Amino acid sequence: MMKMIEMMTITMMMKMIEMMTITMMMKMIEMMTITMMMKMIEMMTITMIMKMIGMMTITMIMKMIGMMTITMIMKMIGMMTITIIMKMIGMMTITMIMKMIGMMTITMMMKMIGMMTITMIMKMIGMMTITMIKKMIGMMTITMIMKMIGMMTITMMMKTIEMMTITIMMKTIVIYTITMMMKTIEIMTSQ
């Protein structure tokens, strides 16, 4: 009897613990995923908007300061040096870099900042809330979030890469122009 009772209690306990843990886990996972998704979506939208606004202003200022200083230095040193530098570096490279930095970044950023934010925010606020209310736990929300996370990371990476390339190019151009100018001045003075 003792053994039977022992066995029974043990098995019952085991089963109860198993059942409880499974259900608890399921519920916890469900709750966690929902709250996590909600938080992630909230945080992401805020951070995205903040970053977008931030990045835009920074890049704009950078461009303004960068381009201005370069042109100012160019003008200050004199037109002759510019032509010499132009010839030395090659007109193609300057125009290419200018086009690459100017046209690409402006259009890219305009498209990315303008179109993306409006559509993304519209989609996020509009579609997501509807789908979230309709299907809180459903696959659609998961896929939406997955897509959002995917898209967001891609766009963020794109932006970071873009900013990095811009800053690197800006720095290289500045350094290059300064060194070239220095050399030209040296050559001119020596002559």
Protein backbone atom coordinates (compact mmCIF):
# COMPACT_ATOMS: atom_id res chain seq x y z
CA MET A 1 0.00 0.00 0.00
CA MET A 2 2.74 2.37 1.03
CA LYS A 3 4.64 1.66 -2.13
CA MET A 4 1.50 2.03 -4.24
CA ILE A 5 0.61 5.33 -2.60
CA GLU A 6 4.22 6.49 -3.01
CA MET A 7 4.27 5.49 -6.67
CA MET A 8 0.89 7.09 -7.31
CA THR A 9 1.81 10.34 -5.57
CA ILE A 10 5.14 10.50 -7.42
CA THR A 11 3.54 9.85 -10.82
CA MET A 12 0.70 12.28 -10.06
CA MET A 13 3.17 14.95 -8.96
CA MET A 14 5.30 14.35 -12.01
CA LYS A 15 2.30 14.64 -14.33
CA MET A 16 0.98 17.71 -12.51
CA ILE A 17 4.37 19.41 -12.62
CA GLU A 18 4.72 18.48 -16.30
CA MET A 19 1.25 19.79 -17.17
CA MET A 20 1.74 22.91 -15.10
CA THR A 21 5.16 23.67 -16.51
CA ILE A 22 3.94 23.15 -20.07
CA THR A 23 0.86 25.35 -19.66
CA MET A 24 2.83 27.92 -17.67
CA MET A 25 5.56 27.99 -20.29
CA MET A 26 3.00 28.32 -23.08
CA LYS A 27 1.24 31.18 -21.31
CA MET A 28 4.50 32.85 -20.37
CA ILE A 29 5.80 32.59 -23.93
CA GLU A 30 2.50 33.92 -25.28
CA MET A 31 2.42 36.82 -22.81
CA MET A 32 6.10 37.54 -23.28
CA THR A 33 5.93 37.53 -27.07
CA ILE A 34 2.91 39.85 -27.11
CA THR A 35 4.39 42.31 -24.60
CA MET A 36 7.82 42.09 -26.20
CA MET A 37 6.38 42.73 -29.65
CA MET A 38 4.32 45.63 -28.36
CA LYS A 39 7.36 47.15 -26.62
CA MET A 40 9.60 46.51 -29.60
CA ILE A 41 7.12 48.13 -31.97
CA GLU A 42 6.71 51.11 -29.62
CA MET A 43 10.44 51.54 -29.08
CA MET A 44 11.27 50.97 -32.73
CA THR A 45 8.87 53.58 -34.05
CA ILE A 46 10.05 56.18 -31.52
CA THR A 47 13.75 55.42 -32.05
CA MET A 48 13.31 55.28 -35.82
CA ILE A 49 11.62 58.67 -35.95
CA MET A 50 14.18 60.13 -33.50
CA LYS A 51 17.09 58.68 -35.46
CA MET A 52 15.64 59.81 -38.78
CA ILE A 53 15.19 63.36 -37.53
CA GLY A 54 18.61 63.27 -35.88
CA MET A 55 20.44 61.76 -38.82
CA MET A 56 18.81 64.14 -41.26
CA THR A 57 19.88 67.24 -39.36
CA ILE A 58 23.38 65.88 -38.74
CA THR A 59 23.93 64.97 -42.40
CA MET A 60 22.44 68.29 -43.53
CA ILE A 61 24.74 70.25 -41.20
CA MET A 62 27.67 68.04 -42.18
CA LYS A 63 27.00 68.67 -45.85
CA MET A 64 26.54 72.39 -45.32
CA ILE A 65 29.69 72.74 -43.21
CA GLY A 66 31.68 70.32 -45.35
CA MET A 67 30.77 71.73 -48.74
CA MET A 68 31.03 75.32 -47.54
CA THR A 69 34.49 74.91 -46.02
CA ILE A 70 35.81 73.11 -49.09
CA THR A 71 34.49 75.79 -51.44
CA MET A 72 35.69 78.57 -49.09
CA ILE A 73 39.21 77.09 -48.91
CA MET A 74 39.17 76.59 -52.67
CA LYS A 75 38.19 80.22 -53.24
CA MET A 76 40.64 81.55 -50.63
CA ILE A 77 43.65 79.74 -52.08
CA GLY A 78 42.74 80.96 -55.53
CA MET A 79 41.26 79.77 -58.78
CA MET A 80 44.67 78.77 -60.21
CA THR A 81 45.29 76.16 -57.53
CA ILE A 82 41.81 74.79 -58.15
CA THR A 83 42.53 74.32 -61.83
CA ILE A 84 45.90 72.72 -61.02
CA ILE A 85 44.27 70.44 -58.45
CA MET A 86 41.48 69.71 -60.92
CA LYS A 87 44.05 68.71 -63.53
CA MET A 88 46.18 66.77 -61.04
CA ILE A 89 43.30 64.84 -59.47
CA GLY A 90 41.40 64.75 -62.72
CA MET A 91 38.17 66.51 -63.48
CA MET A 92 36.35 63.20 -63.68
CA THR A 93 37.08 62.20 -60.09
CA ILE A 94 35.87 65.50 -58.61
CA THR A 95 32.68 65.51 -60.67
CA MET A 96 32.18 61.81 -59.95
CA ILE A 97 32.66 62.30 -56.20
CA MET A 98 30.50 65.42 -56.24
CA LYS A 99 27.80 63.55 -58.12
CA MET A 100 28.15 60.53 -55.86
CA ILE A 101 28.04 62.57 -52.65
CA GLY A 102 25.62 65.23 -53.91
CA MET A 103 23.06 63.54 -56.09
CA MET A 104 23.13 60.09 -54.54
CA THR A 105 22.89 61.11 -50.91
CA ILE A 106 20.31 63.83 -51.49
CA THR A 107 18.03 61.67 -53.62
CA MET A 108 18.63 58.58 -51.50
CA MET A 109 18.04 60.44 -48.25
CA MET A 110 15.05 62.30 -49.65
CA LYS A 111 13.53 59.02 -50.78
CA MET A 112 14.51 57.17 -47.61
CA ILE A 113 13.52 59.91 -45.17
CA GLY A 114 10.52 61.23 -47.10
CA MET A 115 8.81 58.22 -48.61
CA MET A 116 9.93 55.67 -46.05
CA THR A 117 8.89 57.50 -42.92
CA ILE A 118 5.47 58.44 -44.25
CA THR A 119 4.71 54.98 -45.62
CA MET A 120 6.36 53.17 -42.70
CA ILE A 121 4.59 55.26 -40.06
CA MET A 122 1.30 55.04 -41.98
CA LYS A 123 1.66 51.29 -42.30
CA MET A 124 2.87 50.87 -38.72
CA ILE A 125 0.17 52.99 -37.13
CA GLY A 126 -2.64 52.11 -39.54
CA MET A 127 -2.26 48.53 -40.64
CA MET A 128 -0.50 47.21 -37.57
CA THR A 129 -3.02 48.36 -35.01
CA ILE A 130 -5.87 46.87 -37.06
CA THR A 131 -4.03 43.57 -37.49
CA MET A 132 -2.92 43.60 -33.85
CA ILE A 133 -6.50 44.06 -32.66
CA LYS A 134 -7.78 41.49 -35.15
CA LYS A 135 -5.09 38.89 -34.51
CA MET A 136 -3.18 39.50 -31.27
CA ILE A 137 -1.39 36.15 -31.16
CA GLY A 138 -1.99 35.22 -34.82
CA MET A 139 0.73 34.48 -37.35
CA MET A 140 0.06 37.72 -39.21
CA THR A 141 1.34 39.90 -36.37
CA ILE A 142 4.43 37.72 -36.05
CA THR A 143 5.12 37.93 -39.79
CA MET A 144 4.44 41.68 -39.73
CA ILE A 145 6.85 42.16 -36.85
CA MET A 146 9.39 39.91 -38.54
CA LYS A 147 9.07 41.95 -41.72
CA MET A 148 9.25 45.19 -39.78
CA ILE A 149 12.33 44.10 -37.87
CA GLY A 150 13.85 42.89 -41.13
CA MET A 151 13.03 46.02 -43.08
CA MET A 152 14.04 48.27 -40.22
CA THR A 153 17.41 46.65 -39.76
CA ILE A 154 18.02 46.78 -43.52
CA THR A 155 17.07 50.47 -43.76
CA MET A 156 19.07 51.29 -40.63
CA MET A 157 22.09 49.46 -42.03
CA MET A 158 21.63 51.26 -45.34
CA LYS A 159 21.59 54.59 -43.53
CA THR A 160 24.59 53.78 -41.37
CA ILE A 161 26.51 52.57 -44.43
CA GLU A 162 25.44 55.71 -46.33
CA MET A 163 26.47 58.01 -43.47
CA MET A 164 29.74 56.18 -43.04
CA THR A 165 30.54 56.41 -46.74
CA ILE A 166 29.58 60.09 -46.79
CA THR A 167 31.74 60.93 -43.78
CA ILE A 168 34.64 58.86 -45.11
CA MET A 169 34.36 60.48 -48.56
CA MET A 170 34.06 63.93 -46.99
CA LYS A 171 37.16 63.31 -44.88
CA THR A 172 39.12 61.85 -47.77
CA ILE A 173 38.15 64.74 -50.03
CA VAL A 174 39.07 67.31 -47.38
CA ILE A 175 42.42 65.61 -46.61
CA TYR A 176 43.12 65.10 -50.32
CA THR A 177 42.26 68.69 -51.24
CA ILE A 178 44.32 70.07 -48.33
CA THR A 179 47.35 67.92 -49.19
CA MET A 180 47.03 68.74 -52.87
CA MET A 181 46.72 72.45 -52.11
CA MET A 182 49.76 72.27 -49.82
CA LYS A 183 51.73 70.57 -52.59
CA THR A 184 50.59 73.07 -55.20
CA ILE A 185 51.47 76.00 -52.91
CA GLU A 186 54.89 74.40 -52.29
CA ILE A 187 55.48 73.95 -56.03
CA MET A 188 54.30 77.48 -56.76
CA THR A 189 56.46 79.00 -54.02
CA SER A 190 59.53 76.99 -55.03
CA GLN A 191 59.11 78.20 -58.61
